Protein backbone atom coordinates (compact mmCIF):
# COMPACT_ATOMS: atom_id res chain seq x y z
CA MET A 1 100.54 -51.34 39.29
CA HIS A 2 98.34 -51.69 36.21
CA LEU A 3 97.08 -48.73 34.19
CA SER A 4 94.36 -48.63 31.55
CA THR A 5 92.98 -45.70 29.59
CA LYS A 6 89.59 -44.74 28.24
CA THR A 7 89.41 -41.90 25.74
CA TYR A 8 86.40 -39.91 24.68
CA GLY A 9 87.80 -38.04 21.69
CA HIS A 10 86.95 -34.86 19.85
CA GLU A 11 84.79 -36.88 17.46
CA LEU A 12 82.32 -37.42 20.33
CA GLY A 13 81.29 -33.79 19.86
CA LEU A 14 81.39 -32.50 23.43
CA SER A 15 80.97 -28.96 22.12
CA ALA A 16 81.25 -26.49 24.96
CA VAL A 17 81.55 -22.71 25.03
CA PHE A 18 83.26 -20.90 27.89
CA ARG A 19 85.60 -18.05 28.66
CA GLN A 20 88.35 -17.42 31.15
CA TRP A 21 87.30 -13.94 32.18
CA ARG A 22 90.57 -13.31 34.03
CA ALA A 23 92.73 -13.99 30.96
CA ASN A 24 94.84 -11.23 29.45
CA SER A 25 94.24 -12.67 26.00
CA HIS A 26 91.43 -13.53 23.62
CA CYS A 27 90.58 -16.40 26.01
CA ASN A 28 88.56 -13.87 28.00
CA GLN A 29 85.96 -13.95 25.23
CA LEU A 30 83.38 -16.65 24.65
CA HIS A 31 84.87 -19.44 22.54
CA GLY A 32 84.24 -23.12 22.13
CA TYR A 33 85.82 -26.49 21.54
CA ALA A 34 84.80 -30.08 21.01
CA LEU A 35 86.43 -31.20 24.24
CA ALA A 36 88.13 -34.58 24.57
CA PHE A 37 88.93 -36.53 27.73
CA THR A 38 91.33 -39.34 28.51
CA PHE A 39 90.88 -41.18 31.79
CA VAL A 40 93.68 -43.30 33.21
CA PHE A 41 92.61 -45.88 35.78
CA GLU A 42 94.96 -47.79 38.06
CA ALA A 43 94.79 -50.99 40.05
CA ASP A 44 97.36 -52.95 41.98
CA GLU A 45 95.75 -56.20 40.81
CA LEU A 46 93.65 -57.14 37.80
CA ASP A 47 90.15 -58.56 38.15
CA ASP A 48 89.14 -62.13 37.26
CA ARG A 49 88.99 -61.10 33.56
CA ASN A 50 92.52 -59.67 33.78
CA TRP A 51 91.20 -56.12 33.44
CA VAL A 52 91.59 -52.94 35.41
CA VAL A 53 88.12 -51.77 34.34
CA ASP A 54 85.45 -52.97 31.95
CA PHE A 55 85.53 -50.23 29.30
CA GLY A 56 82.04 -51.15 28.13
CA GLY A 57 80.73 -50.59 31.63
CA LEU A 58 81.79 -46.94 31.70
CA LYS A 59 78.61 -45.77 29.96
CA PRO A 60 77.56 -43.70 33.02
CA LEU A 61 80.79 -41.69 32.67
CA LYS A 62 80.22 -41.10 28.95
CA GLU A 63 76.63 -40.05 29.67
CA TRP A 64 77.82 -37.60 32.33
CA LEU A 65 80.32 -36.08 29.88
CA HIS A 66 77.52 -35.55 27.36
CA ASN A 67 75.17 -34.09 29.96
CA THR A 68 77.84 -31.80 31.36
CA PHE A 69 79.70 -30.54 28.30
CA ASP A 70 77.76 -31.20 25.11
CA HIS A 71 76.27 -27.99 23.69
CA LYS A 72 76.73 -26.13 26.98
CA LEU A 73 77.71 -22.60 27.79
CA ILE A 74 79.85 -23.07 30.87
CA VAL A 75 80.24 -20.07 33.12
CA ALA A 76 82.39 -19.59 36.22
CA ILE A 77 80.39 -18.72 39.29
CA ASP A 78 82.59 -15.65 39.85
CA ASP A 79 82.32 -14.34 36.27
CA PRO A 80 81.44 -10.63 36.50
CA HIS A 81 78.93 -11.16 33.67
CA LEU A 82 77.35 -14.21 35.28
CA GLU A 83 73.86 -12.74 35.39
CA ARG A 84 73.93 -11.72 31.71
CA LEU A 85 75.30 -15.07 30.60
CA VAL A 86 72.82 -17.08 32.66
CA ALA A 87 70.01 -14.96 31.18
CA LEU A 88 70.84 -16.46 27.80
CA GLN A 89 69.22 -19.67 29.03
CA SER A 90 65.91 -18.06 29.94
CA ASP A 91 65.98 -16.36 26.55
CA GLY A 92 66.33 -19.78 24.92
CA LEU A 93 69.76 -18.94 23.49
CA ALA A 94 71.97 -21.28 25.51
CA ASP A 95 72.02 -24.26 27.84
CA VAL A 96 74.01 -22.71 30.68
CA LEU A 97 75.99 -24.58 33.31
CA VAL A 98 77.54 -22.64 36.19
CA LEU A 99 80.67 -24.18 37.70
CA GLN A 100 83.19 -23.14 40.32
CA ALA A 101 85.80 -22.69 37.59
CA VAL A 102 86.19 -23.06 33.83
CA GLY A 103 89.02 -24.24 31.60
CA CYS A 104 90.71 -27.54 30.86
CA GLU A 105 92.33 -27.74 34.28
CA ALA A 106 89.00 -27.31 36.06
CA PHE A 107 87.20 -29.65 33.64
CA ALA A 108 89.83 -32.38 34.12
CA GLU A 109 89.54 -32.14 37.91
CA LEU A 110 85.73 -32.18 37.75
CA ALA A 111 85.80 -35.22 35.44
CA ALA A 112 88.23 -37.02 37.76
CA ALA A 113 85.87 -36.55 40.70
CA LYS A 114 82.96 -37.87 38.65
CA ALA A 115 85.00 -40.84 37.41
CA ALA A 116 85.82 -41.74 41.02
CA GLU A 117 82.08 -41.65 41.86
CA VAL A 118 81.27 -43.83 38.85
CA LEU A 119 83.88 -46.40 39.88
CA VAL A 120 82.24 -46.70 43.28
CA GLU A 121 78.76 -46.92 41.72
CA LEU A 122 79.98 -49.70 39.42
CA GLY A 123 81.25 -51.70 42.39
CA TYR A 124 84.98 -51.34 41.93
CA GLY A 125 85.37 -50.29 45.54
CA SER A 126 88.92 -49.29 46.35
CA ARG A 127 90.52 -51.75 43.88
CA VAL A 128 90.43 -49.25 41.00
CA ARG A 129 91.42 -45.62 41.32
CA VAL A 130 91.51 -42.63 38.98
CA HIS A 131 95.17 -42.08 38.18
CA SER A 132 94.75 -39.05 35.91
CA VAL A 133 92.41 -37.24 33.57
CA GLU A 134 93.43 -35.17 30.57
CA CYS A 135 91.06 -32.62 29.04
CA ARG A 136 91.97 -31.45 25.54
CA GLU A 137 90.66 -28.41 23.71
CA HIS A 138 92.42 -29.51 20.52
CA GLY A 139 95.69 -31.10 19.49
CA ALA A 140 97.83 -28.29 20.89
CA ASN A 141 96.14 -27.49 24.23
CA SER A 142 95.33 -29.76 27.12
CA ALA A 143 95.49 -29.96 30.89
CA LEU A 144 96.16 -32.96 33.06
CA TRP A 145 94.80 -33.67 36.53
CA LYS A 146 96.80 -36.32 38.37
CA ALA A 147 95.99 -38.00 41.67
CA THR A 148 98.39 -37.55 44.51
CA ASP A 149 99.11 -40.26 47.07
CA GLY A 150 95.89 -40.79 48.93
CA ASN A 151 93.95 -39.21 46.00
């Protein structure tokens, strides 16, 4: 098996604000990070260029990361303050995105699903698969989503 990685680092500026309302710590308050993502792709065989993926062809994935995380207030759909937080958008105070869940674990899983879609759109078919995605808040905190057999 061959693995290759594509990293969109903190310098990309995917500045997102969110909170984990269930946390028993300061993480239950709004706070933000310049998120970073590392995608690991796998293939049993390389293509005719001896690549797993064409890194330069992953622009749709980078664009999705920007559209999804850059300067967003991300709110969990079950947040008890959902209505108040979403109202910040109509007040012109935030660009709000409501997701099923928030946090690095949820963001990594969401990004893995999108990466799989992008691979199909780019014509990789079943030759290339998403092996794992890491979402990092900063150097000390990250979460890793990893495919299981059968993805």
